[in-house]
Amino acid sequence: MTHTAVVVGAGIAGLAAAISLARTGWQVTVLERSPELAEVGAGLAMTPNAVAAFRGLGFGDDDVAALGYPTRAGGIADRAGRPVLTLPDTPVVRRSVGLVGVHRRRLHAALHRRALACGVEVVTGTAVARVEPGEPEGAPAVVEERRADLVVGADGMRSPVRAALFPASRPVYSGYSSWRGIAPGAHGTAALQQYWGPHAEFGIVRVAEEETYWYGYVAMPERTVLADELGAARERFAGWAGPVQEVLAATPSGAVLRHDVQHLPGGLPRYTNGRVVMIGDAAHGTLPTMGQGAATALEDGLCVGLLVGAPVATGGRLAPALDGFDAARRPRCRALARASIASGRFGSHLGGGWRQTLRNSAMRLTPAGAITRGSRAVMGWTPPEPAAPVPGTPAR
């Protein structure tokens, strides 16, 4: 028996879920509202858990190497460039906070190619307004006019699937907006470097030998309109450390994006509804202060196949498989969301004056080992074993 799935959204989470389901024998269709399939964004630092999830989708060492630039977290400095927290370049640190600097488009393209190779059908220019969740042991789900054994809501922070099935859960503006840019050349150090200032953060990481990604995360009124985004970023970070000025000066004006940062406080009360499973920002959109957005999207997508697709494909029931997914993913993602809020309050969301001095002094006394232990709790995630099927009434 061939099981069918419709994935709504062809971003990182949606394509990861499509690959994972297809690898277990499901027939998968991805619906994307945009007329062309392309990831909007600049760069990201893939943490060890993101790399583990990527490998779990069937990618190997060469695929990981092709994504970008191998690096690590170097630590945090104040806006003048004075060290606040320095992470030494040791094997222990690299295992805990080793990173791959990646252009988002390269990651997205790799997932797209793998999805097509797995037989996934990707349909663009298709907006979703109608979703009927169905019943795990009864009626199929319906997306627009498509019937499916499973629907994956992977349609991002402003998810129409979430709006239809969880109307009380709405994203809110964080009070912060984020510039993102790619500059030609190698800028900053070989490691990810972050700079904290009052109500602001700037980060620099290489995504190729001669390509550098940067972001500037700042407090800003929602829906602010700026005539010159790069000029505004340069003005906002004027006087910050030399590497910040260098990478901003090297950035072409057309290589800058900005978006208001929203999040979903508390996430969804449950990640499933009928035959629908919610993943990525649609389920638990968090603040970016811990850099776990793409990582949890990859984790979620992989786990759809391991915890739902695999047991159902081998004769198990859909309802317990969905329960297992929710039990595995919701506690972790809720914990990460809480940690992201706490990290923001202590870091980039902190006000000026004595607050900065006190925070920086405290962090300078923090042993690097304490940071790496905390990082392992977040980034030491490894893929679960495929869930064993629960026998009974078939999923269809």
Protein backbone atom coordinates (compact mmCIF):
# COMPACT_ATOMS: atom_id res chain seq x y z
CA MET A 1 0.00 0.00 0.00
CA THR A 2 1.39 3.40 -1.00
CA HIS A 3 0.71 6.20 1.45
CA THR A 4 0.32 9.78 0.26
CA ALA A 5 1.47 13.00 1.84
CA VAL A 6 1.00 16.65 0.94
CA VAL A 7 3.61 19.03 2.31
CA VAL A 8 2.57 22.68 2.40
CA GLY A 9 5.65 24.88 1.99
CA ALA A 10 8.87 24.24 0.10
CA GLY A 11 11.29 25.84 2.51
CA ILE A 12 13.93 24.04 4.54
CA ALA A 13 11.43 22.29 6.84
CA GLY A 14 9.07 21.28 4.04
CA LEU A 15 11.73 19.86 1.75
CA ALA A 16 13.37 18.01 4.64
CA ALA A 17 10.02 16.42 5.53
CA ALA A 18 9.37 15.53 1.90
CA ILE A 19 12.75 13.81 1.58
CA SER A 20 12.34 11.94 4.85
CA LEU A 21 8.86 10.67 3.96
CA ALA A 22 9.88 9.71 0.42
CA ARG A 23 12.82 7.73 1.78
CA THR A 24 10.32 5.56 3.70
CA GLY A 25 8.26 4.86 0.58
CA TRP A 26 5.59 7.56 0.77
CA GLN A 27 4.30 9.34 -2.32
CA VAL A 28 4.91 13.02 -1.58
CA THR A 29 3.68 16.23 -3.17
CA VAL A 30 4.98 19.63 -2.02
CA LEU A 31 2.80 22.70 -2.57
CA GLU A 32 4.57 26.07 -2.67
CA ARG A 33 2.73 29.37 -3.00
CA SER A 34 5.63 31.20 -4.69
CA PRO A 35 5.77 30.92 -8.48
CA GLU A 36 9.44 29.96 -8.37
CA LEU A 37 11.27 27.76 -5.91
CA ALA A 38 14.03 29.78 -4.26
CA GLU A 39 15.01 30.34 -0.66
CA VAL A 40 14.85 33.98 0.41
CA GLY A 41 17.71 34.75 2.74
CA ALA A 42 21.41 35.25 3.08
CA GLY A 43 23.32 32.93 5.36
CA LEU A 44 23.26 30.85 8.50
CA ALA A 45 25.60 28.95 10.77
CA MET A 46 24.70 25.26 10.75
CA THR A 47 25.18 23.93 14.26
CA PRO A 48 26.10 20.28 14.97
CA ASN A 49 22.45 19.24 15.41
CA ALA A 50 21.57 20.82 12.06
CA VAL A 51 24.40 18.89 10.40
CA ALA A 52 23.24 15.67 12.12
CA ALA A 53 19.72 16.17 10.77
CA PHE A 54 21.05 16.97 7.29
CA ARG A 55 23.10 13.77 7.32
CA GLY A 56 20.02 11.88 8.50
CA LEU A 57 18.34 12.81 5.22
CA GLY A 58 20.94 10.77 3.35
CA PHE A 59 23.63 13.37 2.74
CA GLY A 60 27.29 12.46 3.15
CA ASP A 61 30.58 14.15 3.97
CA ASP A 62 31.01 15.61 0.50
CA ASP A 63 27.49 17.07 0.61
CA VAL A 64 28.19 18.74 3.95
CA ALA A 65 31.50 20.11 2.69
CA ALA A 66 29.80 21.51 -0.43
CA LEU A 67 27.39 23.56 1.67
CA GLY A 68 29.89 26.13 2.84
CA TYR A 69 32.74 26.99 5.16
CA PRO A 70 33.74 24.84 8.16
CA THR A 71 34.15 27.05 11.20
CA ARG A 72 33.21 27.37 14.86
CA ALA A 73 31.78 29.80 17.37
CA GLY A 74 34.51 32.22 18.38
CA GLY A 75 32.72 34.04 21.16
CA ILE A 76 31.18 37.41 21.94
CA ALA A 77 32.64 40.89 22.05
CA ASP A 78 31.16 44.25 23.00
CA ARG A 79 30.41 46.82 20.32
CA ALA A 80 33.93 48.22 20.57
CA GLY A 81 35.39 44.78 19.93
CA ARG A 82 36.56 44.07 23.49
CA PRO A 83 36.20 40.35 24.32
CA VAL A 84 33.27 39.46 26.55
CA LEU A 85 33.36 35.69 26.12
CA THR A 86 36.15 33.94 24.20
CA LEU A 87 35.87 30.32 23.12
CA PRO A 88 39.29 28.75 22.50
CA ASP A 89 39.96 26.71 19.38
CA THR A 90 40.26 23.28 20.99
CA PRO A 91 38.94 19.85 19.94
CA VAL A 92 36.38 19.94 22.78
CA VAL A 93 35.07 23.33 21.71
CA ARG A 94 34.95 22.34 18.06
CA ARG A 95 32.90 19.25 18.92
CA SER A 96 30.47 21.36 20.94
CA VAL A 97 30.20 24.51 18.81
CA GLY A 98 31.65 23.48 15.47
CA LEU A 99 29.72 25.14 12.66
CA VAL A 100 29.34 25.22 8.92
CA GLY A 101 28.82 28.72 7.52
CA VAL A 102 26.23 28.27 4.77
CA HIS A 103 24.51 30.42 2.19
CA ARG A 104 20.83 29.56 2.62
CA ARG A 105 20.38 29.18 -1.12
CA ARG A 106 23.00 26.43 -1.25
CA LEU A 107 21.27 24.52 1.52
CA HIS A 108 17.88 24.98 -0.08
CA ALA A 109 19.18 23.92 -3.50
CA ALA A 110 20.74 20.76 -2.03
CA LEU A 111 17.43 19.82 -0.37
CA HIS A 112 15.49 20.55 -3.56
CA ARG A 113 17.77 18.35 -5.66
CA ARG A 114 17.53 15.50 -3.16
CA ALA A 115 13.74 15.80 -2.98
CA LEU A 116 13.43 15.50 -6.76
CA ALA A 117 15.84 12.57 -6.78
CA CYS A 118 13.63 10.85 -4.20
CA GLY A 119 10.61 11.20 -6.48
CA VAL A 120 8.95 14.12 -4.69
CA GLU A 121 6.61 16.24 -6.83
CA VAL A 122 7.03 19.98 -6.22
CA VAL A 123 4.14 22.18 -7.37
CA THR A 124 4.78 25.94 -7.33
CA GLY A 125 2.35 28.85 -7.59
CA THR A 126 -0.18 27.09 -5.37
CA ALA A 127 -1.57 29.00 -2.41
CA VAL A 128 -3.39 26.97 0.24
CA ALA A 129 -6.61 28.30 1.72
CA ARG A 130 -8.62 25.12 2.39
CA VAL A 131 -7.41 22.50 4.84
CA GLU A 132 -9.55 19.69 6.26
CA PRO A 133 -7.51 17.74 8.83
CA GLY A 134 -9.40 14.45 8.57
CA GLU A 135 -9.12 11.75 11.24
CA PRO A 136 -6.05 9.58 11.88
CA GLU A 137 -8.14 6.39 11.83
CA GLY A 138 -10.86 7.68 9.50
CA ALA A 139 -11.42 10.31 6.83
CA PRO A 140 -8.40 11.47 4.83
CA ALA A 141 -7.08 15.01 5.04
CA VAL A 142 -7.87 17.42 2.22
CA VAL A 143 -5.68 20.32 1.05
CA GLU A 144 -7.49 22.35 -1.57
CA GLU A 145 -8.80 19.44 -3.71
CA ARG A 146 -6.02 16.98 -2.83
CA ARG A 147 -6.78 14.06 -0.52
CA ALA A 148 -3.90 12.72 1.55
CA ASP A 149 -3.09 10.26 4.29
CA LEU A 150 -0.88 12.93 5.88
CA VAL A 151 -0.49 16.68 5.58
CA VAL A 152 2.66 18.47 6.75
CA GLY A 153 2.21 22.15 7.62
CA ALA A 154 5.63 23.62 6.85
CA ASP A 155 4.48 27.00 5.59
CA GLY A 156 6.41 29.28 7.88
CA MET A 157 5.75 31.97 10.45
CA ARG A 158 2.62 33.25 8.72
CA SER A 159 1.29 29.75 8.12
CA PRO A 160 -2.15 29.51 6.46
CA VAL A 161 -2.35 25.90 7.67
CA ARG A 162 -1.85 27.03 11.26
CA ALA A 163 -4.37 29.84 10.82
CA ALA A 164 -6.96 27.30 9.63
CA LEU A 165 -6.36 24.68 12.31
CA PHE A 166 -5.01 26.66 15.27
CA PRO A 167 -6.59 30.12 14.86
CA ALA A 168 -5.79 31.18 18.44
CA SER A 169 -2.04 30.81 17.86
CA ARG A 170 -0.75 33.89 16.10
CA PRO A 171 2.81 35.22 15.69
CA VAL A 172 3.71 38.50 17.37
CA TYR A 173 6.34 41.10 16.61
CA SER A 174 9.43 40.76 18.77
CA GLY A 175 10.30 44.46 18.72
CA TYR A 176 13.38 43.70 16.64
CA SER A 177 14.25 43.75 12.96
CA SER A 178 17.17 42.01 11.27
CA TRP A 179 19.40 43.04 8.39
CA ARG A 180 21.16 40.22 6.56
CA GLY A 181 23.80 40.54 3.90
CA ILE A 182 26.48 38.75 1.92
CA ALA A 183 29.80 40.49 1.26
CA PRO A 184 32.39 39.26 -1.23
CA GLY A 185 35.73 38.41 0.33
CA ALA A 186 36.89 36.97 3.65
CA HIS A 187 36.04 39.34 6.48
CA GLY A 188 36.37 39.06 10.22
CA THR A 189 38.07 36.03 11.71
CA ALA A 190 37.81 32.42 10.60
CA ALA A 191 35.29 31.84 13.42
CA LEU A 192 31.76 33.15 13.92
CA GLN A 193 32.10 36.39 15.86
CA GLN A 194 29.20 38.10 17.60
CA TYR A 195 29.10 41.65 18.94
CA TRP A 196 26.59 42.77 21.57
CA GLY A 197 25.48 46.31 22.24
CA PRO A 198 22.40 48.02 23.69
CA HIS A 199 19.33 46.52 22.02
CA ALA A 200 21.47 45.25 19.14
CA GLU A 201 23.65 42.38 17.94
CA PHE A 202 25.94 41.99 14.95
CA GLY A 203 27.33 38.69 13.69
CA ILE A 204 29.90 37.76 11.05
CA VAL A 205 30.63 34.30 9.65
CA ARG A 206 32.20 33.09 6.42
CA VAL A 207 30.04 30.96 4.14
CA ALA A 208 32.80 30.29 1.57
CA GLU A 209 36.51 31.00 1.23
CA GLU A 210 35.73 34.41 -0.28
CA GLU A 211 32.18 35.07 0.87
CA THR A 212 31.03 36.42 4.24
CA TYR A 213 27.57 36.51 5.78
CA TRP A 214 26.59 39.12 8.33
CA TYR A 215 23.47 40.06 10.24
CA GLY A 216 22.48 43.12 12.24
CA TYR A 217 19.67 42.56 14.75
CA VAL A 218 18.27 45.76 16.24
CA ALA A 219 15.30 47.20 18.12
CA MET A 220 13.03 48.96 15.64
CA PRO A 221 9.33 49.85 15.34
CA GLU A 222 7.35 47.29 13.39
CA ARG A 223 6.88 47.93 9.66
CA THR A 224 9.59 50.60 9.53
CA VAL A 225 10.23 51.65 5.93
CA LEU A 226 13.80 52.59 4.99
CA ALA A 227 14.77 54.05 1.63
CA ASP A 228 18.34 52.74 1.87
CA GLU A 229 18.68 49.55 3.93
CA LEU A 230 22.48 49.29 3.67
CA GLY A 231 22.92 52.96 4.46
CA ALA A 232 20.66 52.59 7.49
CA ALA A 233 22.61 49.56 8.70
CA ARG A 234 25.90 51.41 8.33
CA GLU A 235 24.49 54.35 10.29
CA ARG A 236 23.04 52.13 13.03
CA PHE A 237 26.35 50.32 13.56
CA ALA A 238 28.63 53.32 13.09
CA GLY A 239 31.35 53.26 15.72
CA TRP A 240 31.14 49.53 16.31
CA ALA A 241 34.23 47.31 16.02
CA GLY A 242 36.51 47.35 12.98
CA PRO A 243 35.33 44.02 11.51
CA VAL A 244 31.74 45.31 11.56
CA GLN A 245 32.74 48.41 9.61
CA GLU A 246 34.83 46.36 7.20
CA VAL A 247 32.11 43.89 6.23
CA LEU A 248 29.47 46.62 5.91
CA ALA A 249 31.78 48.66 3.69
CA ALA A 250 32.36 45.62 1.44
CA THR A 251 28.68 44.80 1.01
CA PRO A 252 26.99 45.75 -2.28
CA SER A 253 23.74 47.66 -1.79
CA GLY A 254 21.70 45.00 -3.58
CA ALA A 255 22.92 42.24 -1.27
CA VAL A 256 21.02 43.35 1.84
CA LEU A 257 17.68 42.11 3.16
CA ARG A 258 15.73 43.09 6.26
CA HIS A 259 12.73 41.52 7.92
CA ASP A 260 10.78 42.22 11.08
CA VAL A 261 11.37 39.34 13.49
CA GLN A 262 8.21 37.64 14.66
CA HIS A 263 7.86 34.67 16.96
CA LEU A 264 5.15 32.33 18.20
CA PRO A 265 5.11 32.63 22.01
CA GLY A 266 4.69 29.20 23.54
CA GLY A 267 4.37 27.54 20.15
CA LEU A 268 1.35 25.44 19.27
CA PRO A 269 -0.47 23.58 22.07
CA ARG A 270 -0.04 20.43 20.01
CA TYR A 271 1.92 19.76 16.82
CA THR A 272 -0.78 17.55 15.29
CA ASN A 273 -4.44 17.95 14.37
CA GLY A 274 -6.24 15.08 12.71
CA ARG A 275 -3.92 13.86 9.95
CA VAL A 276 -1.92 17.12 9.96
CA VAL A 277 1.51 17.52 11.53
CA MET A 278 2.98 21.02 11.98
CA ILE A 279 6.71 21.66 11.75
CA GLY A 280 9.27 24.46 11.63
CA ASP A 281 8.24 28.07 12.18
CA ALA A 282 4.62 27.11 11.54
CA ALA A 283 4.72 25.08 14.77
CA HIS A 284 7.20 26.86 17.02
CA GLY A 285 8.68 29.99 15.44
CA THR A 286 11.31 31.25 17.90
CA LEU A 287 13.52 34.26 18.31
CA PRO A 288 16.80 33.92 16.36
CA THR A 289 18.98 34.59 19.41
CA MET A 290 20.22 30.98 19.61
CA GLY A 291 20.50 30.38 15.87
CA GLN A 292 18.26 27.31 15.92
CA GLY A 293 15.63 28.13 13.29
CA ALA A 294 17.10 26.16 10.40
CA ALA A 295 18.36 23.46 12.76
CA THR A 296 14.95 22.71 14.24
CA ALA A 297 13.40 22.88 10.77
CA LEU A 298 15.78 20.14 9.63
CA GLU A 299 15.22 18.14 12.82
CA ASP A 300 11.44 18.37 12.45
CA GLY A 301 11.52 17.41 8.80
CA LEU A 302 13.71 14.38 9.41
CA CYS A 303 11.54 13.26 12.34
CA VAL A 304 8.37 13.35 10.24
CA GLY A 305 9.85 10.49 8.26
CA LEU A 306 11.46 8.64 11.16
CA LEU A 307 8.60 8.89 13.65
CA VAL A 308 5.54 9.03 11.37
CA GLY A 309 6.45 7.89 7.87
CA ALA A 310 8.50 4.82 8.77
CA PRO A 311 6.13 3.13 11.24
CA VAL A 312 3.05 3.74 9.07
CA ALA A 313 4.85 2.50 5.96
CA THR A 314 5.52 -0.80 7.74
CA GLY A 315 1.92 -1.36 8.77
CA GLY A 316 1.55 0.75 11.88
CA ARG A 317 -1.30 3.06 12.87
CA LEU A 318 -1.11 6.76 12.15
CA ALA A 319 -2.59 8.04 15.44
CA PRO A 320 0.14 6.68 17.76
CA ALA A 321 2.81 7.71 15.26
CA LEU A 322 1.55 11.30 15.34
CA ASP A 323 1.38 11.16 19.14
CA GLY A 324 4.99 10.00 19.19
CA PHE A 325 6.09 12.86 16.97
CA ASP A 326 4.37 15.40 19.22
CA ALA A 327 5.87 13.85 22.34
CA ALA A 328 9.37 13.92 20.84
CA ARG A 329 9.37 17.35 19.23
CA ARG A 330 7.17 19.68 21.28
CA PRO A 331 9.08 19.56 24.59
CA ARG A 332 12.42 20.14 22.87
CA CYS A 333 11.20 23.00 20.72
CA ARG A 334 9.38 24.65 23.61
CA ALA A 335 12.57 24.47 25.70
CA LEU A 336 14.55 26.05 22.87
CA ALA A 337 11.97 28.81 22.51
CA ARG A 338 12.20 29.62 26.22
CA ALA A 339 15.99 29.58 26.05
CA SER A 340 15.92 31.91 23.03
CA ILE A 341 13.82 34.44 24.95
CA ALA A 342 16.16 34.23 27.95
CA SER A 343 19.20 34.57 25.70
CA GLY A 344 17.72 37.67 24.11
CA ARG A 345 16.99 39.32 27.45
CA PHE A 346 20.55 38.74 28.60
CA GLY A 347 22.12 39.48 25.23
CA SER A 348 20.93 41.53 22.28
CA HIS A 349 17.71 42.75 23.94
CA LEU A 350 19.53 44.21 26.95
CA GLY A 351 19.43 47.97 27.40
CA GLY A 352 22.41 50.29 27.70
CA GLY A 353 24.42 51.86 30.51
CA TRP A 354 25.19 49.89 33.64
CA ARG A 355 23.31 46.85 32.31
CA GLN A 356 25.92 46.31 29.61
CA THR A 357 28.80 46.75 32.05
CA LEU A 358 27.32 44.32 34.58
CA ARG A 359 26.46 41.71 31.97
CA ASN A 360 29.85 41.91 30.28
CA SER A 361 31.71 41.66 33.59
CA ALA A 362 29.72 38.58 34.59
CA MET A 363 30.31 36.89 31.25
CA ARG A 364 34.06 37.51 31.39
CA LEU A 365 34.07 35.36 34.54
CA THR A 366 32.18 32.49 32.89
CA PRO A 367 34.43 29.49 32.09
CA ALA A 368 34.39 28.39 28.46
CA GLY A 369 33.63 24.87 29.71
CA ALA A 370 30.29 26.00 31.10
CA ILE A 371 29.35 27.42 27.70
CA THR A 372 30.33 24.25 25.85
CA ARG A 373 28.36 22.09 28.29
CA GLY A 374 25.30 24.24 27.73
CA SER A 375 25.84 24.12 23.98
CA ARG A 376 25.99 20.32 23.99
CA ALA A 377 22.54 20.20 25.61
CA VAL A 378 21.14 22.10 22.62
CA MET A 379 23.42 21.12 19.76
CA GLY A 380 24.24 17.57 20.80
CA TRP A 381 20.89 16.32 19.43
CA THR A 382 21.08 13.22 17.28
CA PRO A 383 18.32 11.68 15.14
CA PRO A 384 16.07 9.18 16.89
CA GLU A 385 15.73 5.62 15.71
CA PRO A 386 12.71 5.10 13.44
CA ALA A 387 9.68 4.45 15.61
CA ALA A 388 8.40 0.88 15.82
CA PRO A 389 4.98 0.47 14.18
CA VAL A 390 1.93 0.12 16.42
CA PRO A 391 -0.19 -2.57 14.78
CA GLY A 392 -3.90 -2.23 14.26
CA THR A 393 -6.16 -0.47 11.82
CA PRO A 394 -4.15 0.69 8.79
CA ALA A 395 -3.55 4.43 8.37
CA ARG A 396 -5.78 4.63 5.29
